[in-house]
Protein backbone atom coordinates (compact mmCIF):
# COMPACT_ATOMS: atom_id res chain seq x y z
CA MET A 1 89.02 44.20 -81.65
CA SER A 2 92.72 45.02 -81.46
CA SER A 3 95.53 43.32 -83.35
CA ILE A 4 96.50 41.68 -80.04
CA ASP A 5 93.07 40.08 -79.91
CA ARG A 6 93.27 38.78 -83.46
CA SER A 7 96.62 37.10 -82.90
CA GLN A 8 94.85 34.47 -80.80
CA SER A 9 91.75 34.14 -82.97
CA VAL A 10 90.85 31.85 -85.85
CA GLY A 11 90.29 33.81 -89.04
CA GLY A 12 89.54 36.97 -87.04
CA THR A 13 86.70 35.27 -85.13
CA ARG A 14 86.79 35.39 -81.35
CA THR A 15 87.81 32.11 -79.74
CA TYR A 16 86.63 30.47 -76.53
CA GLU A 17 87.71 27.85 -74.03
CA VAL A 18 85.54 26.19 -71.36
CA ARG A 19 87.32 24.71 -68.34
CA THR A 20 85.17 22.25 -66.42
CA TYR A 21 85.41 21.07 -62.82
CA GLY A 22 83.13 18.67 -60.94
CA CYS A 23 80.50 16.08 -61.77
CA GLN A 24 78.69 14.97 -64.90
CA MET A 25 76.16 17.76 -64.47
CA ASN A 26 78.96 20.27 -64.95
CA VAL A 27 80.34 18.35 -67.93
CA HIS A 28 76.90 18.37 -69.51
CA ASP A 29 76.41 22.08 -68.73
CA SER A 30 79.77 22.81 -70.37
CA GLU A 31 78.54 21.23 -73.58
CA ARG A 32 75.71 23.72 -73.51
CA LEU A 33 78.01 26.63 -72.73
CA SER A 34 80.10 25.64 -75.75
CA GLY A 35 76.97 25.38 -77.86
CA LEU A 36 75.76 28.80 -76.76
CA LEU A 37 79.09 30.43 -77.58
CA GLU A 38 79.32 28.79 -80.99
CA ASP A 39 75.72 29.80 -81.67
CA ALA A 40 76.82 33.37 -80.89
CA GLY A 41 79.68 33.21 -83.40
CA TYR A 42 82.64 32.15 -81.26
CA VAL A 43 84.88 29.24 -82.26
CA ARG A 44 86.72 26.84 -80.00
CA ALA A 45 90.33 27.86 -79.38
CA PRO A 46 92.87 25.59 -81.11
CA GLU A 47 94.63 22.97 -79.00
CA GLY A 48 97.74 24.46 -77.42
CA ALA A 49 96.63 28.08 -77.85
CA ASP A 50 98.15 30.30 -75.18
CA ALA A 51 94.80 31.82 -74.28
CA ALA A 52 91.39 32.16 -75.85
CA ASP A 53 89.55 35.44 -76.29
CA VAL A 54 86.94 34.18 -73.82
CA VAL A 55 87.81 31.73 -71.03
CA VAL A 56 84.88 30.26 -69.10
CA PHE A 57 85.32 28.45 -65.78
CA ASN A 58 82.44 26.05 -65.03
CA THR A 59 83.05 25.43 -61.34
CA CYS A 60 82.32 22.92 -58.61
CA ALA A 61 81.73 23.87 -54.97
CA VAL A 62 81.52 20.52 -53.24
CA ARG A 63 85.18 20.14 -52.28
CA GLU A 64 86.89 22.12 -49.55
CA ASN A 65 89.61 23.54 -51.81
CA ALA A 66 87.37 24.33 -54.81
CA ASP A 67 87.71 28.09 -54.31
CA ASN A 68 91.50 27.89 -53.92
CA LYS A 69 91.73 26.07 -57.23
CA LEU A 70 89.53 28.64 -58.95
CA TYR A 71 91.35 31.71 -57.64
CA GLY A 72 94.71 30.13 -58.42
CA ASN A 73 93.65 29.66 -62.04
CA LEU A 74 92.16 33.14 -62.21
CA GLY A 75 95.41 34.58 -60.86
CA HIS A 76 97.35 32.75 -63.56
CA LEU A 77 95.18 34.37 -66.24
CA ALA A 78 95.34 37.90 -64.82
CA PRO A 79 98.63 38.96 -66.54
CA LYS A 80 97.47 37.44 -69.84
CA LYS A 81 94.25 39.41 -69.68
CA ALA A 82 96.15 42.59 -68.82
CA SER A 83 98.29 42.19 -71.94
CA ARG A 84 95.36 41.46 -74.24
CA PRO A 85 92.70 44.17 -74.47
CA GLY A 86 89.38 42.56 -75.27
CA MET A 87 90.02 39.23 -73.55
CA GLN A 88 87.17 38.20 -71.23
CA ILE A 89 86.90 35.78 -68.30
CA ALA A 90 83.61 34.28 -67.08
CA VAL A 91 82.92 32.16 -63.99
CA GLY A 92 79.84 29.96 -63.75
CA GLY A 93 78.65 26.81 -62.04
CA CYS A 94 78.15 25.86 -58.42
CA LEU A 95 80.89 28.01 -56.90
CA ALA A 96 79.57 31.05 -58.76
CA GLN A 97 76.06 30.30 -57.47
CA LYS A 98 77.44 30.12 -53.93
CA ASP A 99 79.96 32.97 -53.84
CA ARG A 100 78.35 35.50 -56.18
CA ASP A 101 79.86 38.97 -55.59
CA THR A 102 82.84 37.49 -53.72
CA ILE A 103 84.39 36.35 -56.99
CA VAL A 104 84.59 39.84 -58.47
CA LYS A 105 85.91 41.24 -55.18
CA ARG A 106 88.71 38.69 -55.01
CA ALA A 107 89.39 38.69 -58.77
CA PRO A 108 88.28 42.09 -60.15
CA TRP A 109 89.56 41.19 -63.62
CA VAL A 110 86.66 38.72 -64.04
CA ASP A 111 84.08 40.02 -66.53
CA VAL A 112 81.05 37.78 -65.94
CA VAL A 113 79.70 35.71 -63.05
CA PHE A 114 76.63 33.55 -63.70
CA GLY A 115 74.92 30.77 -61.77
CA THR A 116 73.65 27.23 -62.32
CA HIS A 117 70.14 28.41 -63.20
CA ASN A 118 70.96 30.90 -65.95
CA ILE A 119 73.72 29.43 -68.09
CA GLY A 120 71.74 30.50 -71.15
CA LYS A 121 72.59 34.14 -70.38
CA LEU A 122 76.35 33.78 -70.93
CA PRO A 123 76.62 35.33 -74.44
CA VAL A 124 74.40 38.27 -73.44
CA LEU A 125 76.38 38.88 -70.25
CA LEU A 126 79.69 38.80 -72.14
CA GLU A 127 78.42 41.38 -74.63
CA ARG A 128 76.98 43.55 -71.85
CA ALA A 129 80.29 43.45 -69.98
CA ARG A 130 82.11 44.48 -73.15
CA VAL A 131 79.76 47.37 -73.96
CA GLN A 132 79.46 48.67 -70.39
CA ASP A 133 83.11 47.95 -69.57
CA GLU A 134 82.24 46.54 -66.15
CA ALA A 135 81.72 43.16 -64.55
CA GLN A 136 78.30 41.55 -64.90
CA VAL A 137 77.08 39.40 -62.01
CA GLU A 138 73.76 37.65 -62.57
CA ILE A 139 72.65 34.78 -60.35
CA ALA A 140 69.13 33.46 -60.88
CA GLU A 141 67.46 31.96 -57.82
CA SER A 142 65.43 29.44 -59.79
CA LEU A 143 65.68 27.67 -63.11
CA GLU A 144 64.92 30.02 -66.00
CA ALA A 145 64.84 27.37 -68.74
CA PHE A 146 65.48 23.65 -68.68
CA PRO A 147 69.05 23.27 -69.93
CA SER A 148 68.09 20.80 -72.66
CA THR A 149 66.38 23.61 -74.57
CA LEU A 150 69.79 25.25 -75.13
CA PRO A 151 72.10 24.61 -78.09
CA THR A 152 74.84 22.10 -77.37
CA ARG A 153 78.23 21.18 -78.75
CA ARG A 154 78.56 17.47 -78.02
CA GLU A 155 82.00 16.00 -77.46
CA SER A 156 81.06 12.58 -78.81
CA ALA A 157 79.34 11.49 -82.01
CA TYR A 158 78.28 8.10 -80.64
CA ALA A 159 77.47 8.60 -76.92
CA ALA A 160 75.35 11.27 -75.28
CA TRP A 161 74.12 12.53 -71.93
CA VAL A 162 70.36 13.05 -71.68
CA SER A 163 69.29 15.09 -68.70
CA ILE A 164 65.96 13.94 -67.24
CA SER A 165 65.87 16.19 -64.18
CA VAL A 166 67.74 18.96 -62.42
CA GLY A 167 68.07 19.70 -58.72
CA CYS A 168 67.71 17.48 -55.67
CA ASN A 169 65.17 17.19 -52.84
CA ASN A 170 67.49 15.40 -50.41
CA THR A 171 69.06 17.10 -47.39
CA CYS A 172 72.31 15.15 -46.88
CA THR A 173 74.35 16.98 -44.24
CA PHE A 174 77.60 16.79 -46.23
CA CYS A 175 76.19 18.09 -49.53
CA ILE A 176 75.66 21.63 -50.72
CA VAL A 177 74.27 20.68 -54.14
CA PRO A 178 70.54 21.18 -53.31
CA ALA A 179 71.28 24.75 -52.22
CA LEU A 180 73.08 25.44 -55.51
CA ARG A 181 71.04 23.39 -57.98
CA GLY A 182 67.64 23.89 -56.33
CA LYS A 183 64.70 21.55 -55.83
CA GLU A 184 64.19 18.68 -58.22
CA LYS A 185 62.48 19.57 -61.47
CA ASP A 186 61.58 16.78 -63.89
CA ARG A 187 61.32 16.93 -67.65
CA ARG A 188 58.26 15.58 -69.38
CA PRO A 189 58.78 11.98 -70.56
CA GLY A 190 57.74 12.89 -74.09
CA ASP A 191 60.43 15.57 -74.29
CA ILE A 192 63.10 13.16 -73.06
CA LEU A 193 62.13 10.44 -75.54
CA ALA A 194 61.94 12.95 -78.39
CA GLU A 195 65.47 14.07 -77.60
CA ILE A 196 66.73 10.47 -77.49
CA GLU A 197 65.07 9.69 -80.82
CA ALA A 198 66.69 12.77 -82.37
CA LEU A 199 70.09 11.71 -81.06
CA VAL A 200 69.67 8.18 -82.41
CA ALA A 201 68.69 9.63 -85.80
CA GLU A 202 72.06 11.40 -85.83
CA GLY A 203 73.95 8.18 -85.13
CA VAL A 204 74.17 8.12 -81.33
CA SER A 205 73.93 4.53 -80.09
CA GLU A 206 74.52 4.97 -76.34
CA ILE A 207 72.80 7.38 -73.98
CA THR A 208 73.22 8.01 -70.27
CA LEU A 209 70.18 9.32 -68.42
CA LEU A 210 71.40 12.03 -66.08
CA GLY A 211 69.97 13.47 -62.87
CA GLN A 212 71.23 14.59 -59.50
CA ASN A 213 69.02 11.83 -58.08
CA VAL A 214 68.08 10.09 -61.29
CA ASN A 215 65.78 7.38 -59.94
CA ALA A 216 63.68 9.91 -58.03
CA TYR A 217 62.44 10.96 -61.46
CA GLY A 218 58.68 11.24 -61.34
CA SER A 219 58.35 12.89 -57.92
CA ASP A 220 57.86 16.26 -59.59
CA ILE A 221 55.26 14.92 -62.02
CA GLY A 222 53.46 12.66 -59.55
CA ASP A 223 54.38 9.21 -60.87
CA ARG A 224 56.44 6.95 -58.58
CA GLU A 225 57.10 4.47 -61.40
CA ALA A 226 58.05 7.09 -63.98
CA PHE A 227 61.72 6.10 -64.03
CA SER A 228 61.11 2.40 -64.67
CA LYS A 229 58.60 3.35 -67.37
CA LEU A 230 61.23 5.61 -68.94
CA LEU A 231 63.77 2.78 -69.00
CA ARG A 232 61.25 0.47 -70.68
CA ALA A 233 60.36 3.17 -73.22
CA CYS A 234 64.04 3.51 -74.09
CA GLY A 235 64.01 -0.18 -74.92
CA LYS A 236 61.52 0.47 -77.72
CA ILE A 237 63.68 3.00 -79.59
CA ASP A 238 65.13 1.41 -82.73
CA GLY A 239 68.87 1.93 -83.07
CA LEU A 240 69.47 2.69 -79.41
CA GLU A 241 71.91 -0.02 -78.36
CA ARG A 242 72.96 0.99 -74.86
CA VAL A 243 71.20 2.82 -72.02
CA ARG A 244 72.87 3.76 -68.74
CA PHE A 245 71.90 6.10 -65.91
CA THR A 246 73.53 8.00 -63.06
CA SER A 247 73.32 8.55 -60.18
CA PRO A 248 70.55 6.78 -58.26
CA HIS A 249 69.83 7.02 -54.53
CA PRO A 250 69.16 3.88 -52.44
CA ARG A 251 66.09 5.51 -50.90
CA ASP A 252 64.31 5.66 -54.23
CA PHE A 253 65.62 2.44 -55.77
CA THR A 254 62.51 0.30 -56.14
CA ASP A 255 61.79 -3.22 -57.35
CA ASP A 256 60.11 -1.95 -60.53
CA VAL A 257 63.41 -0.30 -61.54
CA ILE A 258 65.30 -3.56 -61.00
CA ALA A 259 62.71 -5.38 -63.11
CA ALA A 260 62.95 -2.78 -65.87
CA MET A 261 66.75 -3.09 -65.90
CA ALA A 262 66.58 -6.87 -66.12
CA GLU A 263 63.82 -7.01 -68.74
CA THR A 264 64.94 -4.21 -71.10
CA PRO A 265 67.69 -5.57 -73.36
CA ASN A 266 69.40 -2.27 -74.12
CA VAL A 267 69.61 -1.21 -70.46
CA MET A 268 73.15 -2.19 -69.57
CA PRO A 269 74.05 -4.54 -66.66
CA GLN A 270 75.70 -1.77 -64.69
CA LEU A 271 74.69 0.13 -61.59
CA HIS A 272 76.32 2.96 -59.68
CA MET A 273 74.80 2.98 -56.19
CA PRO A 274 76.33 5.48 -53.72
CA LEU A 275 76.89 3.93 -50.26
CA GLN A 276 78.72 6.82 -48.53
CA SER A 277 79.06 4.81 -45.28
CA GLY A 278 78.30 1.30 -44.06
CA SER A 279 77.59 2.48 -40.52
CA ASP A 280 73.98 3.07 -39.51
CA PRO A 281 74.87 5.83 -36.99
CA VAL A 282 76.98 7.63 -39.60
CA LEU A 283 74.26 7.26 -42.25
CA LYS A 284 71.82 8.80 -39.76
CA ALA A 285 74.22 11.69 -39.11
CA MET A 286 74.61 12.12 -42.86
CA ARG A 287 70.81 12.23 -43.08
CA ARG A 288 70.80 9.35 -45.55
CA SER A 289 67.37 7.73 -45.53
CA TYR A 290 68.52 4.08 -45.65
CA ARG A 291 70.62 1.79 -43.50
CA GLN A 292 73.15 -0.98 -44.13
CA GLU A 293 70.54 -3.75 -44.34
CA ARG A 294 68.49 -1.82 -46.91
CA PHE A 295 71.56 -1.11 -49.04
CA LEU A 296 72.79 -4.71 -49.07
CA GLY A 297 69.24 -5.87 -49.80
CA ILE A 298 69.21 -3.77 -52.99
CA ILE A 299 72.55 -5.23 -54.07
CA GLU A 300 71.25 -8.76 -53.46
CA LYS A 301 68.11 -8.13 -55.52
CA VAL A 302 70.08 -6.61 -58.40
CA ARG A 303 72.49 -9.54 -58.45
CA ALA A 304 69.63 -12.04 -58.41
CA ALA A 305 67.93 -10.33 -61.36
CA ILE A 306 71.10 -9.39 -63.28
CA PRO A 307 73.86 -11.88 -62.37
CA HIS A 308 76.59 -10.23 -64.45
CA ALA A 309 75.87 -6.68 -63.27
CA ALA A 310 78.91 -4.57 -62.37
CA ILE A 311 78.08 -2.44 -59.34
CA SER A 312 80.11 0.61 -58.34
CA THR A 313 79.71 3.07 -55.49
CA ASP A 314 80.82 6.25 -53.70
CA ILE A 315 82.22 6.13 -50.15
CA ILE A 316 83.17 8.95 -47.81
CA VAL A 317 85.84 8.22 -45.18
CA GLY A 318 86.22 10.26 -42.01
CA PHE A 319 82.78 11.83 -41.69
CA PRO A 320 82.50 13.77 -38.40
CA GLY A 321 82.01 11.39 -35.48
CA GLU A 322 83.05 8.27 -37.42
CA THR A 323 84.57 5.77 -35.02
CA GLU A 324 86.81 2.81 -35.82
CA GLU A 325 83.76 0.58 -35.36
CA ASP A 326 81.82 2.72 -37.84
CA PHE A 327 84.64 2.42 -40.34
CA GLU A 328 84.78 -1.34 -39.88
CA GLN A 329 81.09 -1.45 -40.85
CA THR A 330 81.97 0.30 -44.11
CA LEU A 331 84.66 -2.31 -44.77
CA HIS A 332 82.08 -5.01 -44.01
CA VAL A 333 79.69 -3.65 -46.66
CA VAL A 334 82.51 -3.42 -49.19
CA ARG A 335 83.36 -7.09 -48.58
CA GLU A 336 79.71 -8.13 -48.83
CA ALA A 337 78.78 -6.01 -51.86
CA ARG A 338 81.96 -6.78 -53.83
CA PHE A 339 81.87 -3.60 -55.87
CA ALA A 340 83.53 -3.66 -59.27
CA GLN A 341 84.79 -0.18 -58.46
CA ALA A 342 84.49 2.36 -55.65
CA PHE A 343 85.04 6.10 -55.84
CA THR A 344 86.46 6.89 -52.42
CA PHE A 345 86.62 10.35 -50.87
CA GLN A 346 88.26 11.68 -47.73
CA TYR A 347 85.66 13.84 -46.01
CA SER A 348 86.31 17.53 -46.44
CA LYS A 349 84.19 20.38 -45.16
CA ARG A 350 81.78 21.89 -47.61
CA PRO A 351 81.17 25.44 -46.42
CA GLY A 352 77.48 25.98 -45.85
CA THR A 353 76.65 22.36 -45.00
CA PRO A 354 75.51 21.13 -41.55
CA ALA A 355 78.36 18.59 -41.41
CA ALA A 356 80.95 21.37 -41.56
CA GLU A 357 79.78 22.56 -38.13
CA MET A 358 79.45 19.15 -36.49
CA ASP A 359 81.48 18.08 -33.49
CA GLY A 360 83.85 15.17 -33.86
CA GLN A 361 85.83 16.30 -36.89
CA ILE A 362 88.34 13.50 -37.55
CA PRO A 363 92.09 14.27 -37.58
CA LYS A 364 93.64 14.17 -41.04
CA LYS A 365 96.10 11.43 -40.02
CA VAL A 366 93.27 9.12 -38.94
CA VAL A 367 91.25 9.82 -42.10
CA GLN A 368 94.28 9.12 -44.29
CA GLU A 369 95.00 5.80 -42.58
CA ARG A 370 91.39 4.64 -42.95
CA TYR A 371 91.29 5.81 -46.54
CA GLU A 372 94.38 3.78 -47.42
CA ARG A 373 92.90 0.66 -45.82
CA LEU A 374 89.67 1.08 -47.77
CA VAL A 375 91.48 1.65 -51.07
CA ALA A 376 93.65 -1.43 -50.51
CA LEU A 377 90.60 -3.60 -49.80
CA GLN A 378 88.68 -2.31 -52.80
CA GLU A 379 91.71 -2.77 -55.11
CA GLU A 380 91.86 -6.42 -54.03
CA ILE A 381 88.14 -6.92 -54.65
CA SER A 382 88.19 -5.09 -58.00
CA TRP A 383 91.01 -7.31 -59.20
CA GLU A 384 89.26 -10.49 -58.02
CA GLU A 385 86.01 -9.44 -59.72
CA ASN A 386 87.84 -8.57 -62.94
CA LYS A 387 89.57 -11.96 -62.96
CA LYS A 388 86.11 -13.54 -63.20
CA GLN A 389 85.82 -11.92 -66.64
CA VAL A 390 88.78 -13.88 -68.08
CA GLY A 391 87.55 -16.32 -70.71
CA ARG A 392 84.29 -14.44 -71.34
CA THR A 393 83.37 -13.31 -74.84
CA LEU A 394 82.16 -9.71 -74.79
CA GLU A 395 80.84 -7.11 -77.20
CA LEU A 396 82.72 -3.83 -76.86
CA MET A 397 81.72 -0.42 -78.10
CA VAL A 398 84.94 1.06 -79.44
CA ALA A 399 85.84 4.20 -77.50
CA GLU A 400 87.75 7.33 -78.38
CA GLY A 401 90.52 8.53 -76.08
CA GLU A 402 90.02 5.87 -73.40
CA GLY A 403 93.35 4.06 -73.80
CA ARG A 404 96.29 6.37 -73.10
CA LYS A 405 98.80 3.74 -74.25
CA ASP A 406 96.87 2.49 -77.28
CA ASP A 407 99.31 3.98 -79.80
CA THR A 408 102.39 2.46 -78.20
CA THR A 409 100.77 -0.94 -77.54
CA HIS A 410 99.04 -1.12 -80.96
CA ARG A 411 95.73 -1.66 -79.22
CA LEU A 412 92.33 -0.04 -79.21
CA SER A 413 89.98 0.39 -76.25
CA GLY A 414 86.29 -0.13 -75.71
CA ARG A 415 83.60 -0.49 -73.09
CA ALA A 416 81.90 -3.77 -72.25
CA PRO A 417 78.14 -3.77 -71.60
CA ASP A 418 78.85 -3.51 -67.85
CA ASN A 419 81.10 -0.49 -68.59
CA ARG A 420 84.39 -2.24 -67.81
CA LEU A 421 87.27 -0.81 -69.81
CA VAL A 422 88.86 -3.33 -72.20
CA HIS A 423 92.02 -2.86 -74.25
CA PHE A 424 92.03 -5.15 -77.31
CA THR A 425 94.33 -6.06 -80.19
CA LYS A 426 93.88 -3.72 -83.14
CA PRO A 427 92.30 -5.70 -86.00
CA GLU A 428 93.48 -5.48 -89.58
CA GLN A 429 90.24 -3.94 -90.79
CA ASP A 430 89.35 -0.36 -90.04
CA VAL A 431 87.53 0.12 -86.72
CA ARG A 432 86.03 3.45 -85.68
CA PRO A 433 84.80 4.81 -82.35
CA GLY A 434 81.17 3.76 -82.05
CA ASP A 435 81.69 0.48 -83.90
CA VAL A 436 81.21 -2.81 -82.02
CA VAL A 437 83.80 -5.58 -81.75
CA THR A 438 83.58 -9.04 -80.20
CA VAL A 439 86.59 -10.22 -78.18
CA GLU A 440 87.63 -12.84 -75.64
CA ILE A 441 89.05 -11.57 -72.35
CA THR A 442 92.52 -12.99 -71.64
CA TYR A 443 93.87 -10.92 -68.71
CA ALA A 444 92.54 -8.84 -65.81
CA ALA A 445 94.02 -5.94 -63.89
CA PRO A 446 92.23 -4.06 -61.08
CA HIS A 447 91.01 -1.27 -63.37
CA HIS A 448 90.95 -2.76 -66.86
CA LEU A 449 90.79 -5.95 -68.90
CA LEU A 450 92.85 -7.16 -71.88
CA ALA A 451 91.77 -9.09 -74.97
CA GLU A 452 95.14 -10.09 -76.39
CA GLY A 453 93.91 -12.50 -79.05
CA PRO A 454 92.49 -11.62 -82.46
CA VAL A 455 89.20 -9.77 -82.64
CA LEU A 456 86.44 -12.31 -83.24
CA ASP A 457 84.04 -9.99 -85.05
CA VAL A 458 83.73 -6.37 -86.16
CA ARG A 459 80.35 -4.73 -86.66
CA ARG A 460 80.40 -1.37 -88.37
CA THR A 461 77.61 0.82 -87.02
CA ARG A 462 75.71 4.01 -87.73
CA ALA A 463 77.46 5.41 -84.68
CA GLY A 464 80.81 4.75 -86.34
CA ASP A 465 79.52 6.40 -89.52
CA ALA A 466 78.52 9.44 -87.44
CA TRP A 467 81.97 9.61 -85.84
CA GLU A 468 83.65 9.36 -89.28
CA LYS A 469 81.42 12.06 -90.75
CA ARG A 470 81.97 14.43 -87.85
CA ASN A 471 85.70 13.81 -87.77
CA ALA A 472 85.96 14.66 -91.46
CA ALA A 473 83.91 17.82 -90.95
CA GLU A 474 86.04 18.99 -88.03
CA GLN A 475 89.22 18.48 -90.01
CA SER A 476 87.86 20.68 -92.80
CA LYS A 477 86.85 23.61 -90.60
CA PRO A 478 87.78 24.76 -87.07
CA VAL A 479 84.30 25.43 -85.71
CA GLY A 480 83.40 21.81 -85.04
CA VAL A 481 79.83 20.62 -85.38
CA MET A 482 76.94 22.69 -84.07
CA LEU A 483 73.88 20.65 -83.29
CA GLY A 484 70.50 22.32 -83.07
CA LEU A 485 67.63 21.51 -80.76
CA PRO A 486 67.00 19.05 -79.33
CA LYS A 487 70.34 17.49 -80.34
CA ILE A 488 72.23 17.42 -77.10
CA GLY A 489 74.52 14.87 -75.63
CA ALA A 490 77.64 13.76 -73.87
CA PRO A 491 81.26 12.80 -74.16
CA GLU A 492 82.31 9.19 -74.47
CA PRO A 493 81.16 6.95 -71.62
CA LEU A 494 82.87 7.59 -68.32
CA PRO A 495 84.59 4.88 -66.31
CA ALA A 496 82.03 3.19 -64.10
CA VAL A 497 79.89 6.24 -64.05
CA ALA A 498 80.06 7.96 -60.68
CA SER A 499 78.81 11.14 -59.17
CA GLY A 500 82.29 12.63 -59.12
CA CYS A 501 81.53 14.67 -56.03
CA GLY A 502 80.23 11.94 -53.77
CA CYS A 503 76.98 13.78 -53.24
CA ASP A 504 74.34 11.32 -54.40
């Protein structure tokens, strides 16, 4: 490696950076990419470094401008790579699975292109590209190894993703994910529970079960109640305080899942249930296998069983053929369901999906106007629902990096059981991410709550101990913490966990 290379390295070791776009699946995959690279001897590039020796783009393909964003970023790196012999660029994820050879044709300075099914090959492909001095493009057509068998560098010491399935068997006309992630493949329940137990042994106290269609879990192994059984099994793991899951599909959301949520104490009173549209004709055109009545019926059952549940959703505005009457039906469902939060998307063509070729594409001006009306309505509802929290006493899991103004306001931030974000007064005693505090809610805004009085109780936890131990280790050496199998996980809990791409 040249002196130019070493100027950007830590102690002469090659550095890496992973840039992630898209949904939680991509975030989780990026943890594995980081783990693979560190297992191969790379170290994470320091914050603020001009460029790492290896830059990996983990891409998303579900938005119309995803490729423009990628090629813009690749173009920005081209002169840096030209001035630094030995620097490598890799592109993986959904866009790589879709575009394959196109990436190298449009950006010939890229060294490696790999797909969603073979992320474990990244270190080998980087070395092969270096030795052969030519781009390596390898796209597997089916899953080579379940991602959870790969080493992982978790971003959080106290909260973790746990993948229970990959792929999706649905055929929604707006979504390209099944073509890129493949058919659903479920993990064995024993493997999932063993992973969770290993995480808890390390100090993790919150896990989020992750799947493209998480509550369809069991279809691949022939057990329609497998997901509810999994939730109940999580309730028997000592030390596991909080269980969440994302993202379910209304088609597969059954009464046994609602019962498991209500009867399992560590399953949190939170549900992300993608609506997409409130109009039956639009849902049919989307090829969504439920209708408005079915969706609202699920919400009613969840509220009856779990009165304090916070329910969030995904909604697409401006799907081809959507009329004003169709849009009004979406507004009707929003008023009836009273979501705590909605992730709203303006429809954009996903190349390769049936919807992209449909008649009745809606003019941008009309889509924008409807979108603004929906956002205004949901903001009003979110604020009203948050105001109902004022006066409640809640246990918060202290979060890391959730409150951007915490330093200036002398506050800390945490997540309530229903995943609402709460900023609270910093207590006199030391509180660490992963610890649990008890507070009284005094103020509500549309997207957060405040607890302005003194903290009522502080409970130091094993999760906080794990955060403290890891933080001390990372300050003493630049490589971070490498966690062996099956120690995988996730960053701190996301706001009202959503699909991110509106595909579920």
